[in-house]
Amino acid sequence: MAFLVSGKVKSTIFDKKAKKLTIRKRSITCHCRSITNYNLENLKGLRAVKRGIKQGQVETLHYAVILEFDQKQNQSTEEDDSGSDIDKFNMKISKKV
């Protein structure tokens, strides 16, 4: 029998209509959440890279997307321990998409 001790859920949402990139992070062991918004108009560079190893029985190969933005000023972050304000914000995002 296996038990899950801790973990994180990370969601990346590209919204072309609103021209925003939203990254939502949440720990599954507590109610701490954070939402970070980026303006896609300030996107300077985009690339995908292959990471990890494959040796014998160990295979951790995966792809990562690396985004570079012009200014950090256009980044907005919201953090909440209770989740109530963030849930309202998430509802607004899901209605727009």
C-alpha atoms as a PDB file:
ATOM      1  CA  MET A   1       0.000   0.000   0.000  1.00  0.00           C
ATOM      2  CA  ALA A   2       1.358   3.427  -0.960  1.00  0.00           C
ATOM      3  CA  PHE A   3       0.598   6.719   0.745  1.00  0.00           C
ATOM      4  CA  LEU A   4       0.877  10.171  -0.750  1.00  0.00           C
ATOM      5  CA  VAL A   5       2.765  12.330   1.725  1.00  0.00           C
ATOM      6  CA  SER A   6       2.984  15.632  -0.136  1.00  0.00           C
ATOM      7  CA  GLY A   7       2.676  17.054  -3.586  1.00  0.00           C
ATOM      8  CA  LYS A   8       1.990  20.135  -5.654  1.00  0.00           C
ATOM      9  CA  VAL A   9      -0.363  20.883  -8.512  1.00  0.00           C
ATOM     10  CA  LYS A  10       0.783  23.433 -11.071  1.00  0.00           C
ATOM     11  CA  SER A  11      -1.473  24.675 -13.877  1.00  0.00           C
ATOM     12  CA  THR A  12      -0.296  26.805 -16.793  1.00  0.00           C
ATOM     13  CA  ILE A  13      -3.040  28.590 -18.738  1.00  0.00           C
ATOM     14  CA  PHE A  14      -2.440  30.443 -22.003  1.00  0.00           C
ATOM     15  CA  ASP A  15      -5.339  32.821 -22.717  1.00  0.00           C
ATOM     16  CA  LYS A  16      -4.997  34.218 -26.240  1.00  0.00           C
ATOM     17  CA  LYS A  17      -8.083  36.420 -26.012  1.00  0.00           C
ATOM     18  CA  ALA A  18      -6.988  38.185 -22.827  1.00  0.00           C
ATOM     19  CA  LYS A  19      -3.292  37.960 -23.889  1.00  0.00           C
ATOM     20  CA  LYS A  20      -2.300  36.544 -20.497  1.00  0.00           C
ATOM     21  CA  LEU A  21      -0.335  33.640 -19.127  1.00  0.00           C
ATOM     22  CA  THR A  22      -1.596  32.426 -15.752  1.00  0.00           C
ATOM     23  CA  ILE A  23       0.369  30.040 -13.532  1.00  0.00           C
ATOM     24  CA  ARG A  24      -1.548  28.548 -10.612  1.00  0.00           C
ATOM     25  CA  LYS A  25       0.265  26.586  -7.897  1.00  0.00           C
ATOM     26  CA  ARG A  26      -1.298  24.674  -5.034  1.00  0.00           C
ATOM     27  CA  SER A  27      -0.001  22.322  -2.377  1.00  0.00           C
ATOM     28  CA  ILE A  28      -2.219  19.278  -1.832  1.00  0.00           C
ATOM     29  CA  THR A  29      -1.375  19.119   1.878  1.00  0.00           C
ATOM     30  CA  CYS A  30      -2.630  22.631   2.759  1.00  0.00           C
ATOM     31  CA  HIS A  31      -4.792  25.401   1.347  1.00  0.00           C
ATOM     32  CA  CYS A  32      -1.863  27.618   0.289  1.00  0.00           C
ATOM     33  CA  ARG A  33      -2.316  28.764  -3.292  1.00  0.00           C
ATOM     34  CA  SER A  34      -0.640  31.285  -5.549  1.00  0.00           C
ATOM     35  CA  ILE A  35      -1.617  32.735  -8.896  1.00  0.00           C
ATOM     36  CA  THR A  36       0.853  34.593 -11.115  1.00  0.00           C
ATOM     37  CA  ASN A  37      -0.247  36.463 -14.247  1.00  0.00           C
ATOM     38  CA  TYR A  38       2.032  37.507 -17.091  1.00  0.00           C
ATOM     39  CA  ASN A  39       1.229  39.737 -20.043  1.00  0.00           C
ATOM     40  CA  LEU A  40       1.899  37.825 -23.290  1.00  0.00           C
ATOM     41  CA  GLU A  41       2.655  41.079 -25.126  1.00  0.00           C
ATOM     42  CA  ASN A  42       5.914  41.262 -23.137  1.00  0.00           C
ATOM     43  CA  LEU A  43       7.011  37.769 -24.180  1.00  0.00           C
ATOM     44  CA  LYS A  44      10.602  38.053 -25.422  1.00  0.00           C
ATOM     45  CA  GLY A  45      11.619  34.437 -25.977  1.00  0.00           C
ATOM     46  CA  LEU A  46      10.082  30.973 -26.046  1.00  0.00           C
ATOM     47  CA  ARG A  47      11.796  27.603 -26.305  1.00  0.00           C
ATOM     48  CA  ALA A  48      11.235  23.971 -25.396  1.00  0.00           C
ATOM     49  CA  VAL A  49      14.032  21.851 -23.970  1.00  0.00           C
ATOM     50  CA  LYS A  50      14.411  18.144 -23.290  1.00  0.00           C
ATOM     51  CA  ARG A  51      15.446  17.373 -19.713  1.00  0.00           C
ATOM     52  CA  GLY A  52      16.123  14.291 -17.642  1.00  0.00           C
ATOM     53  CA  ILE A  53      18.005  11.029 -18.146  1.00  0.00           C
ATOM     54  CA  LYS A  54      17.379   7.540 -19.442  1.00  0.00           C
ATOM     55  CA  GLN A  55      19.736   4.951 -17.985  1.00  0.00           C
ATOM     56  CA  GLY A  56      18.673   1.363 -17.459  1.00  0.00           C
ATOM     57  CA  GLN A  57      15.478   1.310 -15.389  1.00  0.00           C
ATOM     58  CA  VAL A  58      15.600   5.041 -14.591  1.00  0.00           C
ATOM     59  CA  GLU A  59      13.796   7.290 -17.065  1.00  0.00           C
ATOM     60  CA  THR A  60      13.056  10.885 -16.129  1.00  0.00           C
ATOM     61  CA  LEU A  61      12.892  12.366 -19.623  1.00  0.00           C
ATOM     62  CA  HIS A  62      10.476  15.253 -20.003  1.00  0.00           C
ATOM     63  CA  TYR A  63      10.104  18.497 -21.919  1.00  0.00           C
ATOM     64  CA  ALA A  64      10.076  21.940 -20.329  1.00  0.00           C
ATOM     65  CA  VAL A  65       8.859  25.196 -21.851  1.00  0.00           C
ATOM     66  CA  ILE A  66      11.038  28.198 -21.057  1.00  0.00           C
ATOM     67  CA  LEU A  67       9.483  31.647 -21.422  1.00  0.00           C
ATOM     68  CA  GLU A  68      11.410  34.933 -21.236  1.00  0.00           C
ATOM     69  CA  PHE A  69       9.602  38.193 -20.562  1.00  0.00           C
ATOM     70  CA  ASP A  70      10.800  41.761 -21.123  1.00  0.00           C
ATOM     71  CA  GLN A  71       9.764  43.345 -17.845  1.00  0.00           C
ATOM     72  CA  LYS A  72       9.026  41.931 -14.430  1.00  0.00           C
ATOM     73  CA  GLN A  73       6.764  44.909 -13.681  1.00  0.00           C
ATOM     74  CA  ASN A  74       3.877  43.377 -15.604  1.00  0.00           C
ATOM     75  CA  GLN A  75       3.823  40.312 -13.348  1.00  0.00           C
ATOM     76  CA  SER A  76       1.111  40.159 -10.702  1.00  0.00           C
ATOM     77  CA  THR A  77       1.003  37.545  -7.951  1.00  0.00           C
ATOM     78  CA  GLU A  78      -1.758  36.666  -5.524  1.00  0.00           C
ATOM     79  CA  GLU A  79      -1.283  34.343  -2.569  1.00  0.00           C
ATOM     80  CA  ASP A  80      -3.899  33.151  -0.137  1.00  0.00           C
ATOM     81  CA  ASP A  81      -4.057  30.695   2.735  1.00  0.00           C
ATOM     82  CA  SER A  82      -7.832  30.353   2.907  1.00  0.00           C
ATOM     83  CA  GLY A  83      -8.494  30.020  -0.811  1.00  0.00           C
ATOM     84  CA  SER A  84     -11.749  32.012  -0.810  1.00  0.00           C
ATOM     85  CA  ASP A  85     -10.498  35.058  -2.761  1.00  0.00           C
ATOM     86  CA  ILE A  86      -8.497  32.857  -5.110  1.00  0.00           C
ATOM     87  CA  ASP A  87     -11.554  30.681  -5.836  1.00  0.00           C
ATOM     88  CA  LYS A  88     -13.468  33.808  -6.890  1.00  0.00           C
ATOM     89  CA  PHE A  89     -10.545  34.822  -9.111  1.00  0.00           C
ATOM     90  CA  ASN A  90     -10.392  31.323 -10.645  1.00  0.00           C
ATOM     91  CA  MET A  91     -14.105  31.499 -11.419  1.00  0.00           C
ATOM     92  CA  LYS A  92     -13.540  34.772 -13.290  1.00  0.00           C
ATOM     93  CA  ILE A  93     -10.700  33.197 -15.306  1.00  0.00           C
ATOM     94  CA  SER A  94     -12.687  30.100 -16.208  1.00  0.00           C
ATOM     95  CA  LYS A  95     -15.653  32.175 -17.394  1.00  0.00           C
ATOM     96  CA  LYS A  96     -13.429  34.186 -19.728  1.00  0.00           C
ATOM     97  CA  VAL A  97     -11.824  31.150 -21.348  1.00  0.00           C
END
